[in-house]
Protein backbone atom coordinates (compact mmCIF):
# COMPACT_ATOMS: atom_id res chain seq x y z
CA MET A 1 0.00 0.00 0.00
CA PHE A 2 1.35 3.41 -0.97
CA ASN A 3 -0.35 6.76 -0.41
CA LEU A 4 0.92 9.77 -2.33
CA LEU A 5 0.02 13.45 -2.30
CA LEU A 6 0.77 15.38 -5.52
CA PHE A 7 1.09 19.04 -4.63
CA GLY A 8 1.46 22.27 -6.61
CA PRO A 9 -0.32 25.43 -7.75
CA PRO A 10 -3.00 25.47 -10.47
CA GLY A 11 -1.36 25.01 -13.85
CA SER A 12 1.70 23.18 -12.49
CA GLY A 13 0.83 19.95 -14.31
CA LYS A 14 -0.55 17.88 -11.44
CA GLY A 15 -3.34 16.35 -13.50
CA THR A 16 -1.05 15.26 -16.30
CA GLN A 17 1.51 13.73 -13.96
CA ALA A 18 -1.16 12.09 -11.81
CA GLU A 19 -2.46 10.29 -14.90
CA PHE A 20 1.05 9.00 -15.66
CA ILE A 21 1.54 7.79 -12.07
CA GLU A 22 -1.78 5.97 -12.03
CA LYS A 23 -1.11 4.28 -15.37
CA GLU A 24 2.49 3.23 -14.68
CA LEU A 25 2.37 2.45 -10.96
CA GLY A 26 -1.26 1.46 -10.46
CA ILE A 27 -1.94 3.97 -7.67
CA LYS A 28 -5.60 4.98 -7.92
CA ARG A 29 -6.14 8.73 -8.37
CA LEU A 30 -8.53 10.74 -6.27
CA VAL A 31 -8.88 14.12 -7.99
CA THR A 32 -11.04 16.55 -6.04
CA GLY A 33 -11.31 19.02 -8.91
CA ASP A 34 -12.67 16.35 -11.25
CA ILE A 35 -15.15 15.14 -8.64
CA LEU A 36 -16.36 18.67 -7.98
CA ARG A 37 -16.75 19.38 -11.70
CA GLU A 38 -18.70 16.13 -12.07
CA GLU A 39 -21.05 17.29 -9.32
CA VAL A 40 -21.43 20.62 -11.15
CA ARG A 41 -22.26 18.86 -14.44
CA LYS A 42 -24.86 16.72 -12.65
CA GLN A 43 -26.23 19.85 -10.96
CA THR A 44 -26.28 18.17 -7.57
CA GLU A 45 -26.72 20.21 -4.42
CA LEU A 46 -22.99 19.91 -3.71
CA GLY A 47 -22.16 20.88 -7.28
CA MET A 48 -24.30 24.00 -7.22
CA GLN A 49 -22.77 25.09 -3.92
CA ALA A 50 -19.25 24.43 -5.19
CA LYS A 51 -19.78 26.20 -8.54
CA SER A 52 -20.29 29.60 -6.95
CA TYR A 53 -16.84 29.34 -5.36
CA MET A 54 -15.07 27.77 -8.34
CA ASP A 55 -16.28 30.47 -10.75
CA ARG A 56 -14.72 33.14 -8.52
CA GLY A 57 -11.40 31.32 -8.25
CA VAL A 58 -11.66 30.79 -4.50
CA LEU A 59 -11.48 27.54 -2.55
CA VAL A 60 -14.57 25.42 -2.03
CA PRO A 61 -15.29 25.40 1.75
CA ASP A 62 -13.60 22.66 3.75
CA HIS A 63 -16.77 21.00 4.99
CA LEU A 64 -18.01 20.38 1.42
CA VAL A 65 -14.71 18.92 0.23
CA ILE A 66 -14.03 16.84 3.36
CA SER A 67 -17.40 15.10 3.29
CA MET A 68 -16.88 14.30 -0.39
CA ILE A 69 -13.38 12.88 0.22
CA ARG A 70 -14.58 10.78 3.16
CA GLU A 71 -17.14 9.05 0.95
CA ARG A 72 -14.51 8.29 -1.72
CA LEU A 73 -11.94 6.90 0.74
CA LEU A 74 -14.41 4.23 1.82
CA GLN A 75 -14.82 2.90 -1.73
CA PRO A 76 -13.05 -0.42 -2.55
CA GLU A 77 -10.83 0.98 -5.33
CA TYR A 78 -8.92 3.14 -2.83
CA GLN A 79 -8.17 0.44 -0.28
CA ASN A 80 -4.78 -0.49 -1.77
CA GLY A 81 -3.36 2.98 -2.22
CA ILE A 82 -4.31 6.57 -2.95
CA LEU A 83 -2.94 9.28 -5.21
CA LEU A 84 -4.39 12.56 -3.98
CA ASP A 85 -4.44 15.39 -6.52
CA GLY A 86 -5.87 18.74 -5.36
CA PHE A 87 -6.43 17.79 -1.74
CA PRO A 88 -5.73 18.90 0.93
CA ARG A 89 -5.82 22.58 0.02
CA THR A 90 -5.91 24.00 3.54
CA VAL A 91 -4.31 23.05 6.84
CA ALA A 92 -7.77 22.21 8.19
CA GLN A 93 -8.26 19.80 5.29
CA ALA A 94 -4.83 18.25 5.98
CA GLN A 95 -5.76 17.71 9.62
CA ALA A 96 -9.09 16.17 8.62
CA LEU A 97 -7.34 13.95 6.07
CA ASP A 98 -4.86 12.69 8.67
CA ALA A 99 -7.72 11.89 11.03
CA MET A 100 -9.58 9.99 8.29
CA LEU A 101 -6.49 8.05 7.22
CA ASN A 102 -5.56 7.22 10.82
CA GLY A 103 -9.03 5.85 11.35
CA LEU A 104 -8.53 3.59 8.32
CA GLY A 105 -5.03 2.53 9.42
CA LYS A 106 -3.39 4.52 6.63
CA ARG A 107 -1.03 7.48 6.24
CA ILE A 108 0.51 9.73 3.58
CA ASP A 109 3.86 8.19 2.58
CA LEU A 110 5.22 10.86 0.23
CA ILE A 111 4.45 14.39 -0.98
CA ILE A 112 5.68 15.44 -4.43
CA VAL A 113 5.66 19.20 -5.05
CA LEU A 114 5.71 20.62 -8.59
CA GLN A 115 7.39 24.03 -8.63
CA VAL A 116 6.54 26.52 -11.42
CA SER A 117 6.92 30.31 -11.59
CA GLU A 118 3.80 32.50 -11.40
CA ASP A 119 4.26 33.94 -14.89
CA GLU A 120 4.51 30.46 -16.37
CA LEU A 121 1.44 29.32 -14.43
CA VAL A 122 -0.65 32.23 -15.75
CA ARG A 123 0.55 31.56 -19.29
CA ARG A 124 -0.37 27.88 -19.05
CA LEU A 125 -3.79 28.52 -17.53
CA SER A 126 -4.61 31.28 -20.01
CA GLU A 127 -3.86 28.94 -22.93
CA ARG A 128 -5.57 25.91 -21.42
CA LEU A 129 -8.63 24.19 -22.87
CA THR A 130 -10.57 21.57 -20.93
CA CYS A 131 -12.74 18.59 -21.82
CA ALA A 132 -16.02 19.00 -19.94
CA SER A 133 -16.57 15.22 -19.97
CA CYS A 134 -13.30 13.73 -18.70
CA GLY A 135 -11.57 16.82 -17.27
CA ARG A 136 -8.39 16.39 -19.33
CA THR A 137 -6.65 19.63 -20.24
CA TYR A 138 -4.86 20.71 -23.39
CA SER A 139 -2.92 23.76 -24.55
CA ALA A 140 -4.42 25.96 -27.24
CA ASN A 141 -1.09 25.41 -28.99
CA ASP A 142 -2.09 21.77 -29.50
CA ARG A 143 -4.49 23.09 -32.17
CA ILE A 144 -7.29 20.64 -31.40
CA ASN A 145 -10.89 21.50 -30.59
CA ARG A 146 -12.13 18.09 -29.45
CA CYS A 147 -10.90 15.72 -26.76
CA PRO A 148 -9.01 12.82 -28.40
CA TYR A 149 -10.37 10.44 -25.74
CA ASP A 150 -14.11 11.03 -25.97
CA GLY A 151 -14.71 13.57 -28.75
CA THR A 152 -16.14 16.26 -26.47
CA ILE A 153 -15.65 19.84 -27.68
CA LEU A 154 -12.94 21.55 -25.62
CA GLU A 155 -13.81 24.72 -23.74
CA LYS A 156 -12.09 27.42 -21.72
CA ARG A 157 -13.00 27.21 -18.06
CA SER A 158 -14.15 30.42 -16.42
CA ASP A 159 -11.50 30.04 -13.72
CA ASP A 160 -8.69 29.88 -16.32
CA GLN A 161 -9.13 33.49 -17.44
CA PRO A 162 -5.89 35.47 -16.70
CA ASP A 163 -7.38 37.65 -13.93
CA VAL A 164 -9.03 34.69 -12.19
CA ALA A 165 -5.89 32.58 -12.74
CA ARG A 166 -3.76 35.11 -10.83
CA LYS A 167 -6.33 35.15 -8.05
CA ARG A 168 -6.24 31.34 -7.90
CA ILE A 169 -2.46 31.43 -7.59
CA ALA A 170 -2.69 34.05 -4.83
CA VAL A 171 -5.21 31.88 -2.98
CA TYR A 172 -2.85 28.91 -3.34
CA ASN A 173 0.05 30.90 -1.86
CA GLU A 174 -2.05 32.19 1.03
CA GLN A 175 -4.11 29.14 1.94
CA THR A 176 -2.60 26.02 0.36
CA ARG A 177 1.17 26.49 0.56
CA PRO A 178 1.00 26.41 4.42
CA VAL A 179 -0.06 22.77 4.10
CA LEU A 180 3.59 21.98 3.31
CA ASP A 181 4.62 23.57 6.61
CA TYR A 182 2.05 21.41 8.37
CA TYR A 183 3.49 18.23 6.82
CA ASN A 184 7.13 19.26 7.26
CA ASN A 185 8.94 16.73 9.50
CA ARG A 186 5.85 14.47 9.34
CA VAL A 187 6.03 13.25 5.74
CA ARG A 188 8.88 13.13 3.23
CA ILE A 189 8.56 16.04 0.76
CA VAL A 190 10.27 15.94 -2.66
CA LEU A 191 10.54 19.09 -4.79
CA ILE A 192 10.33 18.72 -8.59
CA ASP A 193 11.06 21.39 -11.21
CA GLY A 194 7.69 21.55 -12.97
CA GLN A 195 9.00 23.84 -15.71
CA LYS A 196 10.90 21.01 -17.35
CA SER A 197 9.23 19.14 -20.21
CA ILE A 198 6.28 16.89 -19.39
CA GLN A 199 8.38 13.82 -20.17
CA GLU A 200 11.29 14.98 -18.00
CA VAL A 201 8.99 15.63 -15.05
CA LYS A 202 7.32 12.26 -15.53
CA THR A 203 10.65 10.41 -15.65
CA GLU A 204 11.89 12.12 -12.50
CA ILE A 205 8.71 11.43 -10.51
CA ILE A 206 8.27 7.81 -11.61
CA GLY A 207 11.96 7.09 -11.07
CA LYS A 208 11.92 8.57 -7.58
CA ILE A 209 8.92 6.52 -6.50
CA LYS A 210 10.15 3.26 -8.05
CA VAL A 211 13.61 3.51 -6.50
CA ASP A 212 12.72 4.79 -3.04
CA TYR A 213 9.37 3.10 -2.46
CA ALA A 214 9.53 -0.22 -4.34
CA SER A 215 8.76 -2.22 -1.18
CA GLU A 216 5.69 -0.11 -0.37
CA LEU A 217 4.33 -0.45 -3.90
CA GLU A 218 4.53 -4.24 -3.61
CA LYS A 219 2.42 -4.45 -0.46
């Protein structure tokens, strides 16, 4: 069993790298952003509450996210390992996550942090197109207008506009970055240069996990 937290600001490439990790190492992803967007698409009560926050580029309140995560952690597909992408985003969420994992006899084994400059983050987010069905993201430079996986027309999310993107990054720095201080000396934290090519970042992350945590992955 191996539990991993993939950490970084919006636009740092977490979603792309999380997909690689899941495919190559078999660690099941739990992506809060995707789950929230699914709730929005279904127009559930949770989705409608979350949408008002997401459209403004601010964090969805802890109690909404925590209750959603708790339900997912109890599902069978997460019993042999978890790859958390986009959670926890506040210290309160980190504390709630630790309590939930402790109650299940689990813990976070490793935190990987993708580091990218603010200007590069804004550029990436401003150019990003998203598939409304599967949540995959693409650069406008890819020159495609439909998702290669399911054929859905790509769209620009309201929270990827440049002004909202900068606000999202500011919120990350103010509310989410302190999560690393909370985990410091509790969990091993590995810093990765997220401005390298996608393939270089993937190789570094996968290599680090395979070499340092082979025994945990085999449990």
